[in-house]
Amino acid sequence: MRKFVYVLFLFCSFSVMAQDMASVFVAMPDEYVPQLEDAWRKDLVDLYRSKEEAKLKNNMGGYAKLVKLTADYLLLESTERTTIEMKLLPLVNNTFVVCKVVTLKGPVADSRIAFFSPDWKPLDSSDLFTPVNAGWFLRDDVDTASVRYQEAVSSLDMDMFQYRLSPDSLTLTQSYTTPLYVDEETQDMLKPFLKVEPKVYVWTKNYFK
């Protein structure tokens, strides 16, 4: 299936493939950022490029702010509690995949990741990225059969992860945020069992590894 996606990009003609992140952002269908229609997105880009504060009222009564914009990366605070990150991931012959991460900052951060062609057709994420599960974030020496471990993890009844794209490299990090949802006493119980570092993925031609 990954080969199919790769071949699709090689042989399809993309009207926006030579454009940068600003152009991709403005052309994004409204359904993928319902707080901001395309004209407002263009205004944010113009404000950012003129080195003014790129902040406008969104259609939810709050404000949207374009925090960072480069040729291949964007960070947008679409609401006070929601961020959108996007990265152009290169394939060959100046084609690329659009990676979009939406993070809701509720009690703790929780993200959703999606991939698109340059003309905003959804791609099957499983062809481009396989996330690790919560078990990856356990230390290698943990005795999962111990009573202490079982007591510590008993309150972790859901899996929440935060994804972050790098503005400076072709990397993606995944952090396990569920432990931040519980009370401080439980967090202290969990710390001896959990890795400190996030999972880091590197984009290699057509897949995050």
C-alpha atoms as a PDB file:
ATOM      1  CA  MET A   1       0.000   0.000   0.000  1.00  0.00           C
ATOM      2  CA  ARG A   2       2.858   2.393   0.745  1.00  0.00           C
ATOM      3  CA  LYS A   3       4.230   1.671  -2.722  1.00  0.00           C
ATOM      4  CA  PHE A   4       0.854   2.625  -4.177  1.00  0.00           C
ATOM      5  CA  VAL A   5       0.919   6.011  -2.445  1.00  0.00           C
ATOM      6  CA  TYR A   6       4.477   6.603  -3.624  1.00  0.00           C
ATOM      7  CA  VAL A   7       3.586   5.783  -7.235  1.00  0.00           C
ATOM      8  CA  LEU A   8       0.488   7.972  -6.986  1.00  0.00           C
ATOM      9  CA  PHE A   9       2.643  10.983  -6.174  1.00  0.00           C
ATOM     10  CA  LEU A  10       5.083  10.199  -8.949  1.00  0.00           C
ATOM     11  CA  PHE A  11       2.494  10.106 -11.705  1.00  0.00           C
ATOM     12  CA  CYS A  12      -0.164  12.591 -10.622  1.00  0.00           C
ATOM     13  CA  SER A  13       0.056  16.235 -11.626  1.00  0.00           C
ATOM     14  CA  PHE A  14      -0.367  18.605  -8.675  1.00  0.00           C
ATOM     15  CA  SER A  15      -1.374  22.197  -9.288  1.00  0.00           C
ATOM     16  CA  VAL A  16       0.145  23.355  -5.999  1.00  0.00           C
ATOM     17  CA  MET A  17       3.233  21.169  -5.758  1.00  0.00           C
ATOM     18  CA  ALA A  18       5.652  24.058  -6.278  1.00  0.00           C
ATOM     19  CA  GLN A  19       4.010  26.245  -3.666  1.00  0.00           C
ATOM     20  CA  ASP A  20       5.070  26.816  -0.090  1.00  0.00           C
ATOM     21  CA  MET A  21       3.279  26.374   3.227  1.00  0.00           C
ATOM     22  CA  ALA A  22       1.552  29.755   3.056  1.00  0.00           C
ATOM     23  CA  SER A  23      -0.117  28.811  -0.227  1.00  0.00           C
ATOM     24  CA  VAL A  24      -1.121  25.394   1.063  1.00  0.00           C
ATOM     25  CA  PHE A  25      -2.568  26.960   4.225  1.00  0.00           C
ATOM     26  CA  VAL A  26      -4.662  29.501   2.324  1.00  0.00           C
ATOM     27  CA  ALA A  27      -5.914  26.810  -0.085  1.00  0.00           C
ATOM     28  CA  MET A  28      -6.901  24.440   2.729  1.00  0.00           C
ATOM     29  CA  PRO A  29     -10.636  23.562   2.649  1.00  0.00           C
ATOM     30  CA  ASP A  30     -12.616  25.379   5.328  1.00  0.00           C
ATOM     31  CA  GLU A  31     -13.737  22.057   6.821  1.00  0.00           C
ATOM     32  CA  TYR A  32     -10.180  21.437   8.078  1.00  0.00           C
ATOM     33  CA  VAL A  33     -10.055  24.729   9.964  1.00  0.00           C
ATOM     34  CA  PRO A  34     -13.694  25.732  10.551  1.00  0.00           C
ATOM     35  CA  GLN A  35     -12.705  28.675  12.731  1.00  0.00           C
ATOM     36  CA  LEU A  36     -11.100  30.535   9.807  1.00  0.00           C
ATOM     37  CA  GLU A  37     -12.304  30.932   6.242  1.00  0.00           C
ATOM     38  CA  ASP A  38      -9.728  31.291   3.471  1.00  0.00           C
ATOM     39  CA  ALA A  39      -9.790  35.104   3.315  1.00  0.00           C
ATOM     40  CA  TRP A  40      -8.930  35.301   7.012  1.00  0.00           C
ATOM     41  CA  ARG A  41      -6.118  32.818   6.548  1.00  0.00           C
ATOM     42  CA  LYS A  42      -4.673  34.994   3.810  1.00  0.00           C
ATOM     43  CA  ASP A  43      -4.919  38.019   6.094  1.00  0.00           C
ATOM     44  CA  LEU A  44      -3.009  36.150   8.808  1.00  0.00           C
ATOM     45  CA  VAL A  45      -0.247  35.294   6.348  1.00  0.00           C
ATOM     46  CA  ASP A  46      -0.035  38.908   5.172  1.00  0.00           C
ATOM     47  CA  LEU A  47       0.158  40.164   8.758  1.00  0.00           C
ATOM     48  CA  TYR A  48       2.865  37.631   9.644  1.00  0.00           C
ATOM     49  CA  ARG A  49       4.962  38.516   6.615  1.00  0.00           C
ATOM     50  CA  SER A  50       4.680  42.217   7.396  1.00  0.00           C
ATOM     51  CA  LYS A  51       6.061  41.408  10.894  1.00  0.00           C
ATOM     52  CA  GLU A  52       2.876  42.550  12.595  1.00  0.00           C
ATOM     53  CA  GLU A  53       1.013  40.494  15.186  1.00  0.00           C
ATOM     54  CA  ALA A  54      -0.792  37.876  13.088  1.00  0.00           C
ATOM     55  CA  LYS A  55      -3.912  37.684  15.221  1.00  0.00           C
ATOM     56  CA  LEU A  56      -7.554  37.924  14.111  1.00  0.00           C
ATOM     57  CA  LYS A  57     -10.933  37.245  15.634  1.00  0.00           C
ATOM     58  CA  ASN A  58     -12.205  33.805  14.636  1.00  0.00           C
ATOM     59  CA  ASN A  59     -15.819  32.856  13.969  1.00  0.00           C
ATOM     60  CA  MET A  60     -16.179  31.297  17.429  1.00  0.00           C
ATOM     61  CA  GLY A  61     -15.878  34.629  19.214  1.00  0.00           C
ATOM     62  CA  GLY A  62     -12.258  34.105  20.192  1.00  0.00           C
ATOM     63  CA  TYR A  63      -8.977  34.775  18.427  1.00  0.00           C
ATOM     64  CA  ALA A  64      -6.718  32.887  16.049  1.00  0.00           C
ATOM     65  CA  LYS A  65      -3.001  33.584  15.926  1.00  0.00           C
ATOM     66  CA  LEU A  66      -0.415  32.540  13.368  1.00  0.00           C
ATOM     67  CA  VAL A  67       2.567  31.839  15.598  1.00  0.00           C
ATOM     68  CA  LYS A  68       5.151  30.575  13.100  1.00  0.00           C
ATOM     69  CA  LEU A  69       5.335  30.259   9.334  1.00  0.00           C
ATOM     70  CA  THR A  70       8.229  29.029   7.192  1.00  0.00           C
ATOM     71  CA  ALA A  71       8.462  27.618   3.702  1.00  0.00           C
ATOM     72  CA  ASP A  72       7.475  24.152   4.950  1.00  0.00           C
ATOM     73  CA  TYR A  73       6.041  24.606   8.477  1.00  0.00           C
ATOM     74  CA  LEU A  74       3.136  26.353  10.179  1.00  0.00           C
ATOM     75  CA  LEU A  75       1.942  26.715  13.751  1.00  0.00           C
ATOM     76  CA  LEU A  76      -1.509  28.212  14.253  1.00  0.00           C
ATOM     77  CA  GLU A  77      -3.426  28.804  17.472  1.00  0.00           C
ATOM     78  CA  SER A  78      -6.871  28.440  15.921  1.00  0.00           C
ATOM     79  CA  THR A  79      -8.622  28.968  19.262  1.00  0.00           C
ATOM     80  CA  GLU A  80      -7.459  29.592  22.808  1.00  0.00           C
ATOM     81  CA  ARG A  81      -7.353  25.805  23.379  1.00  0.00           C
ATOM     82  CA  THR A  82      -6.576  24.389  19.953  1.00  0.00           C
ATOM     83  CA  THR A  83      -3.377  24.430  17.895  1.00  0.00           C
ATOM     84  CA  ILE A  84      -2.776  23.303  14.326  1.00  0.00           C
ATOM     85  CA  GLU A  85       0.685  22.342  13.133  1.00  0.00           C
ATOM     86  CA  MET A  86       1.447  21.544   9.507  1.00  0.00           C
ATOM     87  CA  LYS A  87       4.563  20.337   7.752  1.00  0.00           C
ATOM     88  CA  LEU A  88       5.351  19.704   4.086  1.00  0.00           C
ATOM     89  CA  LEU A  89       7.075  16.326   3.905  1.00  0.00           C
ATOM     90  CA  PRO A  90       9.115  15.878   0.715  1.00  0.00           C
ATOM     91  CA  LEU A  91       8.783  12.973  -1.667  1.00  0.00           C
ATOM     92  CA  VAL A  92      10.516  13.223  -5.052  1.00  0.00           C
ATOM     93  CA  ASN A  93      10.426  15.647  -7.987  1.00  0.00           C
ATOM     94  CA  ASN A  94       9.308  18.505  -5.711  1.00  0.00           C
ATOM     95  CA  THR A  95       6.164  16.695  -4.590  1.00  0.00           C
ATOM     96  CA  PHE A  96       5.199  16.451  -0.939  1.00  0.00           C
ATOM     97  CA  VAL A  97       2.768  15.185   1.670  1.00  0.00           C
ATOM     98  CA  VAL A  98       0.961  17.578   3.986  1.00  0.00           C
ATOM     99  CA  CYS A  99       1.097  16.411   7.609  1.00  0.00           C
ATOM    100  CA  LYS A 100      -1.461  18.124   9.862  1.00  0.00           C
ATOM    101  CA  VAL A 101      -1.549  17.814  13.658  1.00  0.00           C
ATOM    102  CA  VAL A 102      -4.471  19.209  15.635  1.00  0.00           C
ATOM    103  CA  THR A 103      -3.969  19.418  19.394  1.00  0.00           C
ATOM    104  CA  LEU A 104      -6.748  20.149  21.862  1.00  0.00           C
ATOM    105  CA  LYS A 105      -5.479  21.519  25.158  1.00  0.00           C
ATOM    106  CA  GLY A 106      -8.106  20.261  27.587  1.00  0.00           C
ATOM    107  CA  PRO A 107      -7.072  19.090  31.019  1.00  0.00           C
ATOM    108  CA  VAL A 108      -4.069  17.722  29.128  1.00  0.00           C
ATOM    109  CA  ALA A 109      -2.945  17.944  25.498  1.00  0.00           C
ATOM    110  CA  ASP A 110      -4.403  15.380  23.099  1.00  0.00           C
ATOM    111  CA  SER A 111      -3.570  15.335  19.372  1.00  0.00           C
ATOM    112  CA  ARG A 112      -4.919  13.959  16.123  1.00  0.00           C
ATOM    113  CA  ILE A 113      -2.679  13.493  13.095  1.00  0.00           C
ATOM    114  CA  ALA A 114      -3.705  13.349   9.440  1.00  0.00           C
ATOM    115  CA  PHE A 115      -2.037  13.362   6.035  1.00  0.00           C
ATOM    116  CA  PHE A 116      -3.101  14.938   2.752  1.00  0.00           C
ATOM    117  CA  SER A 117      -1.973  15.319  -0.829  1.00  0.00           C
ATOM    118  CA  PRO A 118      -0.982  18.868  -1.857  1.00  0.00           C
ATOM    119  CA  ASP A 119      -4.500  19.454  -3.192  1.00  0.00           C
ATOM    120  CA  TRP A 120      -5.976  18.381   0.171  1.00  0.00           C
ATOM    121  CA  LYS A 121      -7.146  14.882  -0.657  1.00  0.00           C
ATOM    122  CA  PRO A 122      -6.991  12.737   2.519  1.00  0.00           C
ATOM    123  CA  LEU A 123      -4.389   9.969   2.579  1.00  0.00           C
ATOM    124  CA  ASP A 124      -4.463   6.771   4.578  1.00  0.00           C
ATOM    125  CA  SER A 125      -2.352   7.512   7.656  1.00  0.00           C
ATOM    126  CA  SER A 126      -1.366   3.858   8.028  1.00  0.00           C
ATOM    127  CA  ASP A 127       0.557   4.111   4.742  1.00  0.00           C
ATOM    128  CA  LEU A 128       2.697   6.916   6.152  1.00  0.00           C
ATOM    129  CA  PHE A 129       2.907   6.522   9.920  1.00  0.00           C
ATOM    130  CA  THR A 130       2.506   3.847  12.612  1.00  0.00           C
ATOM    131  CA  PRO A 131       2.242   5.346  16.112  1.00  0.00           C
ATOM    132  CA  VAL A 132       3.411   3.449  19.167  1.00  0.00           C
ATOM    133  CA  ASN A 133       0.943   2.569  21.902  1.00  0.00           C
ATOM    134  CA  ALA A 134       1.117   3.440  25.596  1.00  0.00           C
ATOM    135  CA  GLY A 135       3.291   0.397  26.277  1.00  0.00           C
ATOM    136  CA  TRP A 136       6.232   1.997  24.446  1.00  0.00           C
ATOM    137  CA  PHE A 137       6.461   4.646  27.165  1.00  0.00           C
ATOM    138  CA  LEU A 138       7.107   2.087  29.916  1.00  0.00           C
ATOM    139  CA  ARG A 139      10.702   1.707  31.053  1.00  0.00           C
ATOM    140  CA  ASP A 140      12.318  -1.487  29.815  1.00  0.00           C
ATOM    141  CA  ASP A 141      13.007  -2.775  33.320  1.00  0.00           C
ATOM    142  CA  VAL A 142       9.432  -2.454  34.630  1.00  0.00           C
ATOM    143  CA  ASP A 143       7.918  -5.476  36.350  1.00  0.00           C
ATOM    144  CA  THR A 144       4.355  -5.182  35.076  1.00  0.00           C
ATOM    145  CA  ALA A 145       3.241  -7.985  37.377  1.00  0.00           C
ATOM    146  CA  SER A 146       4.185  -6.112  40.555  1.00  0.00           C
ATOM    147  CA  VAL A 147       1.472  -4.848  42.875  1.00  0.00           C
ATOM    148  CA  ARG A 148       3.018  -1.391  42.931  1.00  0.00           C
ATOM    149  CA  TYR A 149       2.859  -1.131  39.159  1.00  0.00           C
ATOM    150  CA  GLN A 150      -0.713  -2.408  38.998  1.00  0.00           C
ATOM    151  CA  GLU A 151      -1.808   0.154  41.600  1.00  0.00           C
ATOM    152  CA  ALA A 152      -0.056   2.985  39.758  1.00  0.00           C
ATOM    153  CA  VAL A 153      -1.588   2.264  36.345  1.00  0.00           C
ATOM    154  CA  SER A 154      -5.088   1.390  37.563  1.00  0.00           C
ATOM    155  CA  SER A 155      -6.281   4.971  36.982  1.00  0.00           C
ATOM    156  CA  LEU A 156      -4.982   5.158  33.397  1.00  0.00           C
ATOM    157  CA  ASP A 157      -8.255   4.257  31.719  1.00  0.00           C
ATOM    158  CA  MET A 158      -7.657   6.084  28.407  1.00  0.00           C
ATOM    159  CA  ASP A 159      -4.806   6.772  26.002  1.00  0.00           C
ATOM    160  CA  MET A 160      -3.941  10.388  25.153  1.00  0.00           C
ATOM    161  CA  PHE A 161      -0.919  11.479  23.162  1.00  0.00           C
ATOM    162  CA  GLN A 162       0.521  14.781  22.034  1.00  0.00           C
ATOM    163  CA  TYR A 163       2.226  14.983  18.657  1.00  0.00           C
ATOM    164  CA  ARG A 164       4.615  17.778  17.715  1.00  0.00           C
ATOM    165  CA  LEU A 165       6.143  18.544  14.336  1.00  0.00           C
ATOM    166  CA  SER A 166       9.552  20.169  14.187  1.00  0.00           C
ATOM    167  CA  PRO A 167       9.823  23.512  12.354  1.00  0.00           C
ATOM    168  CA  ASP A 168      13.509  22.854  11.655  1.00  0.00           C
ATOM    169  CA  SER A 169      13.741  19.157  10.762  1.00  0.00           C
ATOM    170  CA  LEU A 170      11.703  16.300   9.311  1.00  0.00           C
ATOM    171  CA  THR A 171      10.835  14.846  12.703  1.00  0.00           C
ATOM    172  CA  LEU A 172       7.700  14.142  14.686  1.00  0.00           C
ATOM    173  CA  THR A 173       7.545  13.503  18.432  1.00  0.00           C
ATOM    174  CA  GLN A 174       4.888  11.598  20.345  1.00  0.00           C
ATOM    175  CA  SER A 175       4.423  12.153  24.087  1.00  0.00           C
ATOM    176  CA  TYR A 176       2.202  10.129  26.404  1.00  0.00           C
ATOM    177  CA  THR A 177      -0.001  12.676  28.152  1.00  0.00           C
ATOM    178  CA  THR A 178      -2.486  10.438  29.973  1.00  0.00           C
ATOM    179  CA  PRO A 179      -0.356  10.412  33.164  1.00  0.00           C
ATOM    180  CA  LEU A 180      -0.716  14.194  33.364  1.00  0.00           C
ATOM    181  CA  TYR A 181      -4.488  13.732  33.628  1.00  0.00           C
ATOM    182  CA  VAL A 182      -4.361  12.065  37.052  1.00  0.00           C
ATOM    183  CA  ASP A 183      -3.715  13.701  40.431  1.00  0.00           C
ATOM    184  CA  GLU A 184      -0.193  14.571  41.586  1.00  0.00           C
ATOM    185  CA  GLU A 185       0.023  11.658  44.021  1.00  0.00           C
ATOM    186  CA  THR A 186      -0.724   9.178  41.232  1.00  0.00           C
ATOM    187  CA  GLN A 187       1.720  10.964  38.923  1.00  0.00           C
ATOM    188  CA  ASP A 188       4.447  10.479  41.527  1.00  0.00           C
ATOM    189  CA  MET A 189       3.571   6.763  41.709  1.00  0.00           C
ATOM    190  CA  LEU A 190       3.827   6.459  37.925  1.00  0.00           C
ATOM    191  CA  LYS A 191       7.142   8.256  37.421  1.00  0.00           C
ATOM    192  CA  PRO A 192       9.412   5.274  38.240  1.00  0.00           C
ATOM    193  CA  PHE A 193       7.697   3.226  35.519  1.00  0.00           C
ATOM    194  CA  LEU A 194       7.645   5.720  32.643  1.00  0.00           C
ATOM    195  CA  LYS A 195      10.277   6.914  30.181  1.00  0.00           C
ATOM    196  CA  VAL A 196      11.075  10.610  30.293  1.00  0.00           C
ATOM    197  CA  GLU A 197      11.810  11.111  26.600  1.00  0.00           C
ATOM    198  CA  PRO A 198       9.167  11.182  23.852  1.00  0.00           C
ATOM    199  CA  LYS A 199       9.099   8.846  20.884  1.00  0.00           C
ATOM    200  CA  VAL A 200      10.838  10.490  17.907  1.00  0.00           C
ATOM    201  CA  TYR A 201       9.991   9.639  14.290  1.00  0.00           C
ATOM    202  CA  VAL A 202      12.056  10.694  11.284  1.00  0.00           C
ATOM    203  CA  TRP A 203      10.594  11.202   7.813  1.00  0.00           C
ATOM    204  CA  THR A 204      12.459   8.946   5.368  1.00  0.00           C
ATOM    205  CA  LYS A 205      11.350   9.642   1.791  1.00  0.00           C
ATOM    206  CA  ASN A 206       7.745   8.440   2.162  1.00  0.00           C
ATOM    207  CA  TYR A 207       7.205   7.270   5.751  1.00  0.00           C
ATOM    208  CA  PHE A 208       7.738   8.340   9.368  1.00  0.00           C
ATOM    209  CA  LYS A 209      10.055   5.779  11.023  1.00  0.00           C
END
